[in-house]
Amino acid sequence: MARKNKENYLDYIPRPNRLFQTSENPAGRIVIRTEHRGFYNFLAQKIFGKPRFSDIELDDFGTFVWKQMDGEKSIFEIGRAVKEAYGEKAEPLYERLSRFMKILHEQHYIVYENKLSGERREAH
């Protein structure tokens, strides 16, 4: 019987997507700038005065996690750093961290590095 090679999500290595500008505000929180592109966004900007850019401010937990993402640490390793910094306040740690990472990935704010070769996985 052949064994299936299953990937463990905690082994993924996230890093910020270089297509987005990030900065740190005076409160020390990470701010991700996102541009609203496309035809419908163009119309909304022209007709309804919607802004071209939005700034997404991460909370303290999100900022800590963002600063851990260096393209070398796995989600598991980042989780250990979160546990060390936040203790019981981070619980349920890996469920919360995994969901946060999935949201960041779905919004294309992060990409995953391939651990062995440094190639991007699920590049966007």
PDB file of N, CA and C in Angstrom:
ATOM      1  N   MET A   1       0.851  -1.167   0.000  1.00  0.00           N
ATOM      2  CA  MET A   1       0.000   0.000   0.000  1.00  0.00           C
ATOM      3  C   MET A   1       0.900   1.234   0.000  1.00  0.00           C
ATOM      4  N   ALA A   2       0.657   2.161  -0.912  1.00  0.00           N
ATOM      5  CA  ALA A   2       1.473   3.371  -1.021  1.00  0.00           C
ATOM      6  C   ALA A   2       1.048   4.389   0.032  1.00  0.00           C
ATOM      7  N   ARG A   3       2.033   5.034   0.609  1.00  0.00           N
ATOM      8  CA  ARG A   3       1.761   6.080   1.588  1.00  0.00           C
ATOM      9  C   ARG A   3       1.643   7.411   0.865  1.00  0.00           C
ATOM     10  N   LYS A   4       0.663   8.189   1.259  1.00  0.00           N
ATOM     11  CA  LYS A   4       0.486   9.509   0.666  1.00  0.00           C
ATOM     12  C   LYS A   4       1.378  10.494   1.409  1.00  0.00           C
ATOM     13  N   ASN A   5       2.023  11.345   0.643  1.00  0.00           N
ATOM     14  CA  ASN A   5       2.879  12.365   1.224  1.00  0.00           C
ATOM     15  C   ASN A   5       2.016  13.581   1.548  1.00  0.00           C
ATOM     16  N   LYS A   6       1.631  13.708   2.811  1.00  0.00           N
ATOM     17  CA  LYS A   6       0.786  14.814   3.223  1.00  0.00           C
ATOM     18  C   LYS A   6       1.648  15.942   3.765  1.00  0.00           C
ATOM     19  N   GLU A   7       1.334  17.148   3.322  1.00  0.00           N
ATOM     20  CA  GLU A   7       2.036  18.314   3.837  1.00  0.00           C
ATOM     21  C   GLU A   7       1.381  18.746   5.134  1.00  0.00           C
ATOM     22  N   ASN A   8       2.204  19.179   6.051  1.00  0.00           N
ATOM     23  CA  ASN A   8       1.715  19.709   7.309  1.00  0.00           C
ATOM     24  C   ASN A   8       1.705  21.231   7.189  1.00  0.00           C
ATOM     25  N   TYR A   9       0.554  21.841   7.412  1.00  0.00           N
ATOM     26  CA  TYR A   9       0.429  23.287   7.271  1.00  0.00           C
ATOM     27  C   TYR A   9       1.409  24.017   8.184  1.00  0.00           C
ATOM     28  N   LEU A  10       1.705  23.463   9.345  1.00  0.00           N
ATOM     29  CA  LEU A  10       2.618  24.112  10.285  1.00  0.00           C
ATOM     30  C   LEU A  10       4.058  24.131   9.779  1.00  0.00           C
ATOM     31  N   ASP A  11       4.360  23.356   8.739  1.00  0.00           N
ATOM     32  CA  ASP A  11       5.695  23.357   8.144  1.00  0.00           C
ATOM     33  C   ASP A  11       5.861  24.460   7.092  1.00  0.00           C
ATOM     34  N   TYR A  12       4.776  25.105   6.691  1.00  0.00           N
ATOM     35  CA  TYR A  12       4.860  26.170   5.696  1.00  0.00           C
ATOM     36  C   TYR A  12       5.698  27.314   6.250  1.00  0.00           C
ATOM     37  N   ILE A  13       6.397  27.989   5.359  1.00  0.00           N
ATOM     38  CA  ILE A  13       7.256  29.104   5.743  1.00  0.00           C
ATOM     39  C   ILE A  13       6.708  30.371   5.093  1.00  0.00           C
ATOM     40  N   PRO A  14       6.029  31.209   5.888  1.00  0.00           N
ATOM     41  CA  PRO A  14       5.443  32.422   5.316  1.00  0.00           C
ATOM     42  C   PRO A  14       6.423  33.585   5.276  1.00  0.00           C
ATOM     43  N   ARG A  15       6.179  34.468   4.333  1.00  0.00           N
ATOM     44  CA  ARG A  15       6.895  35.740   4.298  1.00  0.00           C
ATOM     45  C   ARG A  15       5.960  36.771   3.685  1.00  0.00           C
ATOM     46  N   PRO A  16       6.138  38.036   4.041  1.00  0.00           N
ATOM     47  CA  PRO A  16       5.290  39.070   3.456  1.00  0.00           C
ATOM     48  C   PRO A  16       5.455  39.130   1.939  1.00  0.00           C
ATOM     49  N   ASN A  17       4.347  39.372   1.262  1.00  0.00           N
ATOM     50  CA  ASN A  17       4.354  39.529  -0.187  1.00  0.00           C
ATOM     51  C   ASN A  17       4.954  40.895  -0.507  1.00  0.00           C
ATOM     52  N   ARG A  18       5.966  40.915  -1.319  1.00  0.00           N
ATOM     53  CA  ARG A  18       6.669  42.160  -1.636  1.00  0.00           C
ATOM     54  C   ARG A  18       5.854  43.113  -2.502  1.00  0.00           C
ATOM     55  N   LEU A  19       4.699  42.672  -2.975  1.00  0.00           N
ATOM     56  CA  LEU A  19       3.845  43.533  -3.790  1.00  0.00           C
ATOM     57  C   LEU A  19       3.080  44.567  -2.958  1.00  0.00           C
ATOM     58  N   PHE A  20       3.077  44.378  -1.634  1.00  0.00           N
ATOM     59  CA  PHE A  20       2.354  45.288  -0.758  1.00  0.00           C
ATOM     60  C   PHE A  20       3.333  46.108   0.071  1.00  0.00           C
ATOM     61  N   GLN A  21       3.026  47.396   0.191  1.00  0.00           N
ATOM     62  CA  GLN A  21       3.824  48.259   1.055  1.00  0.00           C
ATOM     63  C   GLN A  21       3.390  48.036   2.492  1.00  0.00           C
ATOM     64  N   THR A  22       4.359  47.959   3.385  1.00  0.00           N
ATOM     65  CA  THR A  22       4.049  47.871   4.801  1.00  0.00           C
ATOM     66  C   THR A  22       4.860  48.930   5.531  1.00  0.00           C
ATOM     67  N   SER A  23       4.319  49.349   6.657  1.00  0.00           N
ATOM     68  CA  SER A  23       5.012  50.312   7.501  1.00  0.00           C
ATOM     69  C   SER A  23       4.608  50.056   8.944  1.00  0.00           C
ATOM     70  N   GLU A  24       5.277  50.753   9.824  1.00  0.00           N
ATOM     71  CA  GLU A  24       4.947  50.652  11.238  1.00  0.00           C
ATOM     72  C   GLU A  24       4.431  52.012  11.666  1.00  0.00           C
ATOM     73  N   ASN A  25       3.245  52.044  12.276  1.00  0.00           N
ATOM     74  CA  ASN A  25       2.676  53.324  12.690  1.00  0.00           C
ATOM     75  C   ASN A  25       3.285  53.762  14.028  1.00  0.00           C
ATOM     76  N   PRO A  26       2.964  54.961  14.489  1.00  0.00           N
ATOM     77  CA  PRO A  26       3.546  55.440  15.748  1.00  0.00           C
ATOM     78  C   PRO A  26       3.241  54.550  16.964  1.00  0.00           C
ATOM     79  N   ALA A  27       2.165  53.800  16.906  1.00  0.00           N
ATOM     80  CA  ALA A  27       1.815  52.888  18.003  1.00  0.00           C
ATOM     81  C   ALA A  27       2.621  51.592  17.938  1.00  0.00           C
ATOM     82  N   GLY A  28       3.444  51.417  16.884  1.00  0.00           N
ATOM     83  CA  GLY A  28       4.257  50.217  16.747  1.00  0.00           C
ATOM     84  C   GLY A  28       3.571  49.074  16.040  1.00  0.00           C
ATOM     85  N   ARG A  29       2.418  49.338  15.452  1.00  0.00           N
ATOM     86  CA  ARG A  29       1.677  48.290  14.748  1.00  0.00           C
ATOM     87  C   ARG A  29       1.985  48.328  13.254  1.00  0.00           C
ATOM     88  N   ILE A  30       1.940  47.144  12.648  1.00  0.00           N
ATOM     89  CA  ILE A  30       2.172  47.015  11.210  1.00  0.00           C
ATOM     90  C   ILE A  30       0.928  47.477  10.451  1.00  0.00           C
ATOM     91  N   VAL A  31       1.155  48.247   9.393  1.00  0.00           N
ATOM     92  CA  VAL A  31       0.082  48.720   8.523  1.00  0.00           C
ATOM     93  C   VAL A  31       0.406  48.227   7.110  1.00  0.00           C
ATOM     94  N   ILE A  32      -0.560  47.519   6.513  1.00  0.00           N
ATOM     95  CA  ILE A  32      -0.420  47.007   5.150  1.00  0.00           C
ATOM     96  C   ILE A  32      -1.256  47.897   4.238  1.00  0.00           C
ATOM     97  N   ARG A  33      -0.633  48.457   3.220  1.00  0.00           N
ATOM     98  CA  ARG A  33      -1.335  49.314   2.262  1.00  0.00           C
ATOM     99  C   ARG A  33      -1.756  48.459   1.074  1.00  0.00           C
ATOM    100  N   THR A  34      -3.042  48.523   0.752  1.00  0.00           N
ATOM    101  CA  THR A  34      -3.566  47.758  -0.367  1.00  0.00           C
ATOM    102  C   THR A  34      -4.257  48.700  -1.349  1.00  0.00           C
ATOM    103  N   GLU A  35      -4.035  48.461  -2.624  1.00  0.00           N
ATOM    104  CA  GLU A  35      -4.621  49.289  -3.675  1.00  0.00           C
ATOM    105  C   GLU A  35      -5.859  48.599  -4.230  1.00  0.00           C
ATOM    106  N   HIS A  36      -6.906  49.380  -4.410  1.00  0.00           N
ATOM    107  CA  HIS A  36      -8.148  48.858  -4.983  1.00  0.00           C
ATOM    108  C   HIS A  36      -8.080  49.056  -6.492  1.00  0.00           C
ATOM    109  N   ARG A  37      -7.875  47.944  -7.207  1.00  0.00           N
ATOM    110  CA  ARG A  37      -7.735  47.995  -8.664  1.00  0.00           C
ATOM    111  C   ARG A  37      -8.896  47.278  -9.325  1.00  0.00           C
ATOM    112  N   GLY A  38      -9.019  47.474 -10.595  1.00  0.00           N
ATOM    113  CA  GLY A  38     -10.068  46.810 -11.365  1.00  0.00           C
ATOM    114  C   GLY A  38     -11.166  47.787 -11.752  1.00  0.00           C
ATOM    115  N   PHE A  39     -11.958  47.351 -12.695  1.00  0.00           N
ATOM    116  CA  PHE A  39     -13.000  48.206 -13.269  1.00  0.00           C
ATOM    117  C   PHE A  39     -14.010  48.687 -12.230  1.00  0.00           C
ATOM    118  N   TYR A  40     -14.546  47.773 -11.422  1.00  0.00           N
ATOM    119  CA  TYR A  40     -15.577  48.147 -10.453  1.00  0.00           C
ATOM    120  C   TYR A  40     -15.014  49.047  -9.359  1.00  0.00           C
ATOM    121  N   ASN A  41     -13.783  48.807  -8.962  1.00  0.00           N
ATOM    122  CA  ASN A  41     -13.158  49.702  -7.993  1.00  0.00           C
ATOM    123  C   ASN A  41     -12.934  51.082  -8.599  1.00  0.00           C
ATOM    124  N   PHE A  42     -12.556  51.114  -9.877  1.00  0.00           N
ATOM    125  CA  PHE A  42     -12.378  52.385 -10.586  1.00  0.00           C
ATOM    126  C   PHE A  42     -13.690  53.175 -10.582  1.00  0.00           C
ATOM    127  N   LEU A  43     -14.786  52.488 -10.903  1.00  0.00           N
ATOM    128  CA  LEU A  43     -16.092  53.157 -10.896  1.00  0.00           C
ATOM    129  C   LEU A  43     -16.449  53.660  -9.507  1.00  0.00           C
ATOM    130  N   ALA A  44     -16.233  52.851  -8.505  1.00  0.00           N
ATOM    131  CA  ALA A  44     -16.548  53.246  -7.126  1.00  0.00           C
ATOM    132  C   ALA A  44     -15.717  54.450  -6.699  1.00  0.00           C
ATOM    133  N   GLN A  45     -14.481  54.507  -7.164  1.00  0.00           N
ATOM    134  CA  GLN A  45     -13.622  55.647  -6.834  1.00  0.00           C
ATOM    135  C   GLN A  45     -14.134  56.916  -7.508  1.00  0.00           C
ATOM    136  N   LYS A  46     -14.510  56.809  -8.769  1.00  0.00           N
ATOM    137  CA  LYS A  46     -14.959  57.975  -9.537  1.00  0.00           C
ATOM    138  C   LYS A  46     -16.363  58.436  -9.143  1.00  0.00           C
ATOM    139  N   ILE A  47     -17.278  57.487  -8.983  1.00  0.00           N
ATOM    140  CA  ILE A  47     -18.676  57.836  -8.739  1.00  0.00           C
ATOM    141  C   ILE A  47     -18.954  58.105  -7.262  1.00  0.00           C
ATOM    142  N   PHE A  48     -18.444  57.231  -6.397  1.00  0.00           N
ATOM    143  CA  PHE A  48     -18.776  57.330  -4.976  1.00  0.00           C
ATOM    144  C   PHE A  48     -17.651  57.906  -4.122  1.00  0.00           C
ATOM    145  N   GLY A  49     -16.537  58.252  -4.755  1.00  0.00           N
ATOM    146  CA  GLY A  49     -15.429  58.845  -4.007  1.00  0.00           C
ATOM    147  C   GLY A  49     -14.718  57.878  -3.079  1.00  0.00           C
ATOM    148  N   LYS A  50     -14.785  56.598  -3.397  1.00  0.00           N
ATOM    149  CA  LYS A  50     -14.087  55.599  -2.584  1.00  0.00           C
ATOM    150  C   LYS A  50     -12.586  55.797  -2.725  1.00  0.00           C
ATOM    151  N   PRO A  51     -11.828  55.514  -1.669  1.00  0.00           N
ATOM    152  CA  PRO A  51     -10.375  55.722  -1.753  1.00  0.00           C
ATOM    153  C   PRO A  51      -9.689  54.690  -2.645  1.00  0.00           C
ATOM    154  N   ARG A  52      -8.587  55.097  -3.243  1.00  0.00           N
ATOM    155  CA  ARG A  52      -7.813  54.191  -4.099  1.00  0.00           C
ATOM    156  C   ARG A  52      -7.033  53.187  -3.254  1.00  0.00           C
ATOM    157  N   PHE A  53      -6.632  53.605  -2.055  1.00  0.00           N
ATOM    158  CA  PHE A  53      -5.842  52.752  -1.168  1.00  0.00           C
ATOM    159  C   PHE A  53      -6.564  52.586   0.166  1.00  0.00           C
ATOM    160  N   SER A  54      -6.338  51.447   0.790  1.00  0.00           N
ATOM    161  CA  SER A  54      -6.779  51.206   2.152  1.00  0.00           C
ATOM    162  C   SER A  54      -5.571  50.780   2.969  1.00  0.00           C
ATOM    163  N   ASP A  55      -5.548  51.215   4.207  1.00  0.00           N
ATOM    164  CA  ASP A  55      -4.494  50.809   5.130  1.00  0.00           C
ATOM    165  C   ASP A  55      -5.085  49.830   6.133  1.00  0.00           C
ATOM    166  N   ILE A  56      -4.514  48.638   6.179  1.00  0.00           N
ATOM    167  CA  ILE A  56      -4.967  47.593   7.085  1.00  0.00           C
ATOM    168  C   ILE A  56      -4.015  47.572   8.275  1.00  0.00           C
ATOM    169  N   GLU A  57      -4.512  47.938   9.452  1.00  0.00           N
ATOM    170  CA  GLU A  57      -3.678  47.952  10.654  1.00  0.00           C
ATOM    171  C   GLU A  57      -3.865  46.641  11.416  1.00  0.00           C
ATOM    172  N   LEU A  58      -2.759  45.954  11.654  1.00  0.00           N
ATOM    173  CA  LEU A  58      -2.803  44.710  12.414  1.00  0.00           C
ATOM    174  C   LEU A  58      -2.828  45.024  13.908  1.00  0.00           C
ATOM    175  N   ASP A  59      -3.449  44.146  14.683  1.00  0.00           N
ATOM    176  CA  ASP A  59      -3.431  44.315  16.132  1.00  0.00           C
ATOM    177  C   ASP A  59      -2.071  43.883  16.683  1.00  0.00           C
ATOM    178  N   ASP A  60      -1.922  43.911  17.998  1.00  0.00           N
ATOM    179  CA  ASP A  60      -0.635  43.573  18.609  1.00  0.00           C
ATOM    180  C   ASP A  60      -0.210  42.142  18.274  1.00  0.00           C
ATOM    181  N   PHE A  61      -1.150  41.206  18.338  1.00  0.00           N
ATOM    182  CA  PHE A  61      -0.868  39.808  18.018  1.00  0.00           C
ATOM    183  C   PHE A  61      -0.429  39.685  16.559  1.00  0.00           C
ATOM    184  N   GLY A  62      -1.184  40.307  15.654  1.00  0.00           N
ATOM    185  CA  GLY A  62      -0.867  40.250  14.231  1.00  0.00           C
ATOM    186  C   GLY A  62       0.466  40.904  13.915  1.00  0.00           C
ATOM    187  N   THR A  63       0.754  42.007  14.572  1.00  0.00           N
ATOM    188  CA  THR A  63       2.030  42.693  14.374  1.00  0.00           C
ATOM    189  C   THR A  63       3.186  41.818  14.822  1.00  0.00           C
ATOM    190  N   PHE A  64       3.029  41.160  15.965  1.00  0.00           N
ATOM    191  CA  PHE A  64       4.083  40.273  16.453  1.00  0.00           C
ATOM    192  C   PHE A  64       4.337  39.153  15.450  1.00  0.00           C
ATOM    193  N   VAL A  65       3.254  38.531  14.980  1.00  0.00           N
ATOM    194  CA  VAL A  65       3.380  37.437  14.013  1.00  0.00           C
ATOM    195  C   VAL A  65       4.018  37.944  12.726  1.00  0.00           C
ATOM    196  N   TRP A  66       3.586  39.107  12.236  1.00  0.00           N
ATOM    197  CA  TRP A  66       4.125  39.674  10.994  1.00  0.00           C
ATOM    198  C   TRP A  66       5.634  39.856  11.092  1.00  0.00           C
ATOM    199  N   LYS A  67       6.085  40.348  12.222  1.00  0.00           N
ATOM    200  CA  LYS A  67       7.515  40.599  12.399  1.00  0.00           C
ATOM    201  C   LYS A  67       8.320  39.300  12.487  1.00  0.00           C
ATOM    202  N   GLN A  68       7.660  38.188  12.791  1.00  0.00           N
ATOM    203  CA  GLN A  68       8.323  36.891  12.850  1.00  0.00           C
ATOM    204  C   GLN A  68       8.503  36.280  11.462  1.00  0.00           C
ATOM    205  N   MET A  69       7.685  36.702  10.502  1.00  0.00           N
ATOM    206  CA  MET A  69       7.718  36.121   9.163  1.00  0.00           C
ATOM    207  C   MET A  69       8.925  36.654   8.397  1.00  0.00           C
ATOM    208  N   ASP A  70       9.951  35.839   8.299  1.00  0.00           N
ATOM    209  CA  ASP A  70      11.187  36.259   7.651  1.00  0.00           C
ATOM    210  C   ASP A  70      11.555  35.383   6.457  1.00  0.00           C
ATOM    211  N   GLY A  71      10.667  34.455   6.103  1.00  0.00           N
ATOM    212  CA  GLY A  71      10.960  33.559   4.989  1.00  0.00           C
ATOM    213  C   GLY A  71      11.829  32.390   5.402  1.00  0.00           C
ATOM    214  N   GLU A  72      12.115  32.269   6.695  1.00  0.00           N
ATOM    215  CA  GLU A  72      12.928  31.160   7.203  1.00  0.00           C
ATOM    216  C   GLU A  72      12.227  30.376   8.302  1.00  0.00           C
ATOM    217  N   LYS A  73      11.391  31.027   9.093  1.00  0.00           N
ATOM    218  CA  LYS A  73      10.682  30.363  10.190  1.00  0.00           C
ATOM    219  C   LYS A  73       9.387  29.744   9.676  1.00  0.00           C
ATOM    220  N   SER A  74       9.123  28.531  10.122  1.00  0.00           N
ATOM    221  CA  SER A  74       7.870  27.869   9.774  1.00  0.00           C
ATOM    222  C   SER A  74       6.752  28.421  10.658  1.00  0.00           C
ATOM    223  N   ILE A  75       5.528  28.117  10.294  1.00  0.00           N
ATOM    224  CA  ILE A  75       4.384  28.531  11.107  1.00  0.00           C
ATOM    225  C   ILE A  75       4.504  27.920  12.496  1.00  0.00           C
ATOM    226  N   PHE A  76       4.989  26.697  12.592  1.00  0.00           N
ATOM    227  CA  PHE A  76       5.189  26.059  13.894  1.00  0.00           C
ATOM    228  C   PHE A  76       6.182  26.858  14.744  1.00  0.00           C
ATOM    229  N   GLU A  77       7.289  27.266  14.144  1.00  0.00           N
ATOM    230  CA  GLU A  77       8.309  28.038  14.867  1.00  0.00           C
ATOM    231  C   GLU A  77       7.769  29.408  15.282  1.00  0.00           C
ATOM    232  N   ILE A  78       6.986  30.024  14.417  1.00  0.00           N
ATOM    233  CA  ILE A  78       6.366  31.297  14.768  1.00  0.00           C
ATOM    234  C   ILE A  78       5.417  31.093  15.948  1.00  0.00           C
ATOM    235  N   GLY A  79       4.691  29.986  15.932  1.00  0.00           N
ATOM    236  CA  GLY A  79       3.785  29.661  17.039  1.00  0.00           C
ATOM    237  C   GLY A  79       4.519  29.533  18.360  1.00  0.00           C
ATOM    238  N   ARG A  80       5.698  28.926  18.334  1.00  0.00           N
ATOM    239  CA  ARG A  80       6.497  28.817  19.569  1.00  0.00           C
ATOM    240  C   ARG A  80       6.885  30.198  20.075  1.00  0.00           C
ATOM    241  N   ALA A  81       7.248  31.107  19.167  1.00  0.00           N
ATOM    242  CA  ALA A  81       7.615  32.472  19.566  1.00  0.00           C
ATOM    243  C   ALA A  81       6.401  33.208  20.149  1.00  0.00           C
ATOM    244  N   VAL A  82       5.228  32.989  19.552  1.00  0.00           N
ATOM    245  CA  VAL A  82       4.003  33.597  20.063  1.00  0.00           C
ATOM    246  C   VAL A  82       3.711  33.072  21.464  1.00  0.00           C
ATOM    247  N   LYS A  83       3.844  31.768  21.652  1.00  0.00           N
ATOM    248  CA  LYS A  83       3.601  31.146  22.961  1.00  0.00           C
ATOM    249  C   LYS A  83       4.535  31.730  24.010  1.00  0.00           C
ATOM    250  N   GLU A  84       5.795  31.915  23.630  1.00  0.00           N
ATOM    251  CA  GLU A  84       6.781  32.469  24.549  1.00  0.00           C
ATOM    252  C   GLU A  84       6.440  33.917  24.915  1.00  0.00           C
ATOM    253  N   ALA A  85       5.981  34.686  23.943  1.00  0.00           N
ATOM    254  CA  ALA A  85       5.688  36.104  24.172  1.00  0.00           C
ATOM    255  C   ALA A  85       4.337  36.336  24.855  1.00  0.00           C
ATOM    256  N   TYR A  86       3.314  35.545  24.492  1.00  0.00           N
ATOM    257  CA  TYR A  86       1.957  35.805  24.960  1.00  0.00           C
ATOM    258  C   TYR A  86       1.430  34.791  25.963  1.00  0.00           C
ATOM    259  N   GLY A  87       2.077  33.653  26.081  1.00  0.00           N
ATOM    260  CA  GLY A  87       1.638  32.640  27.039  1.00  0.00           C
ATOM    261  C   GLY A  87       0.222  32.175  26.782  1.00  0.00           C
ATOM    262  N   GLU A  88      -0.553  32.095  27.838  1.00  0.00           N
ATOM    263  CA  GLU A  88      -1.925  31.576  27.748  1.00  0.00           C
ATOM    264  C   GLU A  88      -2.864  32.510  26.983  1.00  0.00           C
ATOM    265  N   LYS A  89      -2.501  33.789  26.857  1.00  0.00           N
ATOM    266  CA  LYS A  89      -3.353  34.734  26.123  1.00  0.00           C
ATOM    267  C   LYS A  89      -3.444  34.375  24.645  1.00  0.00           C
ATOM    268  N   ALA A  90      -2.510  33.587  24.150  1.00  0.00           N
ATOM    269  CA  ALA A  90      -2.496  33.214  22.733  1.00  0.00           C
ATOM    270  C   ALA A  90      -3.358  31.994  22.435  1.00  0.00           C
ATOM    271  N   GLU A  91      -3.835  31.321  23.450  1.00  0.00           N
ATOM    272  CA  GLU A  91      -4.598  30.091  23.239  1.00  0.00           C
ATOM    273  C   GLU A  91      -5.984  30.385  22.703  1.00  0.00           C
ATOM    274  N   PRO A  92      -6.531  29.533  21.851  1.00  0.00           N
ATOM    275  CA  PRO A  92      -5.956  28.329  21.256  1.00  0.00           C
ATOM    276  C   PRO A  92      -4.954  28.707  20.164  1.00  0.00           C
ATOM    277  N   LEU A  93      -3.705  28.510  20.436  1.00  0.00           N
ATOM    278  CA  LEU A  93      -2.601  29.056  19.668  1.00  0.00           C
ATOM    279  C   LEU A  93      -2.603  28.651  18.199  1.00  0.00           C
ATOM    280  N   TYR A  94      -2.464  27.367  17.910  1.00  0.00           N
ATOM    281  CA  TYR A  94      -2.263  26.963  16.513  1.00  0.00           C
ATOM    282  C   TYR A  94      -3.531  27.080  15.676  1.00  0.00           C
ATOM    283  N   GLU A  95      -4.687  26.925  16.285  1.00  0.00           N
ATOM    284  CA  GLU A  95      -5.927  27.145  15.543  1.00  0.00           C
ATOM    285  C   GLU A  95      -6.033  28.616  15.147  1.00  0.00           C
ATOM    286  N   ARG A  96      -5.752  29.487  16.093  1.00  0.00           N
ATOM    287  CA  ARG A  96      -5.826  30.924  15.858  1.00  0.00           C
ATOM    288  C   ARG A  96      -4.753  31.368  14.853  1.00  0.00           C
ATOM    289  N   LEU A  97      -3.533  30.884  15.037  1.00  0.00           N
ATOM    290  CA  LEU A  97      -2.430  31.253  14.150  1.00  0.00           C
ATOM    291  C   LEU A  97      -2.678  30.741  12.733  1.00  0.00           C
ATOM    292  N   SER A  98      -3.133  29.512  12.596  1.00  0.00           N
ATOM    293  CA  SER A  98      -3.407  28.948  11.267  1.00  0.00           C
ATOM    294  C   SER A  98      -4.483  29.743  10.553  1.00  0.00           C
ATOM    295  N   ARG A  99      -5.527  30.106  11.260  1.00  0.00           N
ATOM    296  CA  ARG A  99      -6.605  30.881  10.635  1.00  0.00           C
ATOM    297  C   ARG A  99      -6.094  32.251  10.191  1.00  0.00           C
ATOM    298  N   PHE A 100      -5.290  32.901  11.031  1.00  0.00           N
ATOM    299  CA  PHE A 100      -4.724  34.199  10.703  1.00  0.00           C
ATOM    300  C   PHE A 100      -3.853  34.098   9.445  1.00  0.00           C
ATOM    301  N   MET A 101      -3.001  33.075   9.388  1.00  0.00           N
ATOM    302  CA  MET A 101      -2.128  32.891   8.227  1.00  0.00           C
ATOM    303  C   MET A 101      -2.938  32.624   6.964  1.00  0.00           C
ATOM    304  N   LYS A 102      -3.993  31.836   7.084  1.00  0.00           N
ATOM    305  CA  LYS A 102      -4.830  31.539   5.917  1.00  0.00           C
ATOM    306  C   LYS A 102      -5.520  32.799   5.399  1.00  0.00           C
ATOM    307  N   ILE A 103      -5.959  33.660   6.307  1.00  0.00           N
ATOM    308  CA  ILE A 103      -6.582  34.921   5.891  1.00  0.00           C
ATOM    309  C   ILE A 103      -5.558  35.798   5.177  1.00  0.00           C
ATOM    310  N   LEU A 104      -4.360  35.924   5.746  1.00  0.00           N
ATOM    311  CA  LEU A 104      -3.314  36.715   5.108  1.00  0.00           C
ATOM    312  C   LEU A 104      -2.983  36.170   3.719  1.00  0.00           C
ATOM    313  N   HIS A 105      -2.941  34.843   3.602  1.00  0.00           N
ATOM    314  CA  HIS A 105      -2.631  34.222   2.311  1.00  0.00           C
ATOM    315  C   HIS A 105      -3.761  34.420   1.305  1.00  0.00           C
ATOM    316  N   GLU A 106      -5.003  34.276   1.750  1.00  0.00           N
ATOM    317  CA  GLU A 106      -6.142  34.477   0.856  1.00  0.00           C
ATOM    318  C   GLU A 106      -6.187  35.899   0.313  1.00  0.00           C
ATOM    319  N   GLN A 107      -5.743  36.859   1.118  1.00  0.00           N
ATOM    320  CA  GLN A 107      -5.715  38.256   0.696  1.00  0.00           C
ATOM    321  C   GLN A 107      -4.433  38.604  -0.058  1.00  0.00           C
ATOM    322  N   HIS A 108      -3.561  37.602  -0.227  1.00  0.00           N
ATOM    323  CA  HIS A 108      -2.288  37.738  -0.947  1.00  0.00           C
ATOM    324  C   HIS A 108      -1.267  38.607  -0.209  1.00  0.00           C
ATOM    325  N   TYR A 109      -1.461  38.828   1.082  1.00  0.00           N
ATOM    326  CA  TYR A 109      -0.510  39.625   1.863  1.00  0.00           C
ATOM    327  C   TYR A 109       0.759  38.840   2.169  1.00  0.00           C
ATOM    328  N   ILE A 110       0.660  37.509   2.144  1.00  0.00           N
ATOM    329  CA  ILE A 110       1.837  36.666   2.368  1.00  0.00           C
ATOM    330  C   ILE A 110       1.919  35.608   1.290  1.00  0.00           C
ATOM    331  N   VAL A 111       3.117  35.068   1.111  1.00  0.00           N
ATOM    332  CA  VAL A 111       3.352  33.907   0.252  1.00  0.00           C
ATOM    333  C   VAL A 111       4.103  32.888   1.097  1.00  0.00           C
ATOM    334  N   TYR A 112       4.130  31.654   0.635  1.00  0.00           N
ATOM    335  CA  TYR A 112       4.840  30.593   1.343  1.00  0.00           C
ATOM    336  C   TYR A 112       6.116  30.245   0.599  1.00  0.00           C
ATOM    337  N   GLU A 113       7.168  30.090   1.344  1.00  0.00           N
ATOM    338  CA  GLU A 113       8.446  29.671   0.790  1.00  0.00           C
ATOM    339  C   GLU A 113       8.532  28.152   0.861  1.00  0.00           C
ATOM    340  N   ASN A 114       9.204  27.551  -0.114  1.00  0.00           N
ATOM    341  CA  ASN A 114       9.477  26.119  -0.085  1.00  0.00           C
ATOM    342  C   ASN A 114      10.695  25.925   0.806  1.00  0.00           C
ATOM    343  N   LYS A 115      10.556  25.124   1.833  1.00  0.00           N
ATOM    344  CA  LYS A 115      11.602  24.985   2.845  1.00  0.00           C
ATOM    345  C   LYS A 115      12.947  24.530   2.279  1.00  0.00           C
ATOM    346  N   LEU A 116      12.941  23.629   1.311  1.00  0.00           N
ATOM    347  CA  LEU A 116      14.195  23.062   0.834  1.00  0.00           C
ATOM    348  C   LEU A 116      14.917  23.942  -0.179  1.00  0.00           C
ATOM    349  N   SER A 117      14.185  24.531  -1.092  1.00  0.00           N
ATOM    350  CA  SER A 117      14.864  25.236  -2.177  1.00  0.00           C
ATOM    351  C   SER A 117      14.702  26.746  -2.158  1.00  0.00           C
ATOM    352  N   GLY A 118      13.879  27.266  -1.264  1.00  0.00           N
ATOM    353  CA  GLY A 118      13.669  28.700  -1.221  1.00  0.00           C
ATOM    354  C   GLY A 118      12.719  29.208  -2.292  1.00  0.00           C
ATOM    355  N   GLU A 119      12.078  28.301  -3.041  1.00  0.00           N
ATOM    356  CA  GLU A 119      11.133  28.705  -4.064  1.00  0.00           C
ATOM    357  C   GLU A 119       9.812  29.053  -3.416  1.00  0.00           C
ATOM    358  N   ARG A 120       9.038  29.889  -4.113  1.00  0.00           N
ATOM    359  CA  ARG A 120       7.731  30.241  -3.591  1.00  0.00           C
ATOM    360  C   ARG A 120       6.745  29.117  -3.824  1.00  0.00           C
ATOM    361  N   ARG A 121       5.883  28.898  -2.849  1.00  0.00           N
ATOM    362  CA  ARG A 121       4.811  27.921  -2.965  1.00  0.00           C
ATOM    363  C   ARG A 121       3.517  28.715  -3.021  1.00  0.00           C
ATOM    364  N   GLU A 122       2.604  28.353  -3.893  1.00  0.00           N
ATOM    365  CA  GLU A 122       1.335  29.046  -4.082  1.00  0.00           C
ATOM    366  C   GLU A 122       1.589  30.528  -4.305  1.00  0.00           C
ATOM    367  N   ALA A 123       2.440  30.840  -5.238  1.00  0.00           N
ATOM    368  CA  ALA A 123       2.832  32.222  -5.506  1.00  0.00           C
ATOM    369  C   ALA A 123       1.631  33.021  -6.014  1.00  0.00           C
ATOM    370  N   HIS A 124       1.535  34.246  -5.547  1.00  0.00           N
ATOM    371  CA  HIS A 124       0.486  35.177  -6.001  1.00  0.00           C
ATOM    372  C   HIS A 124       1.115  36.506  -6.211  1.00  0.00           C
TER     373      HIS A 124
END
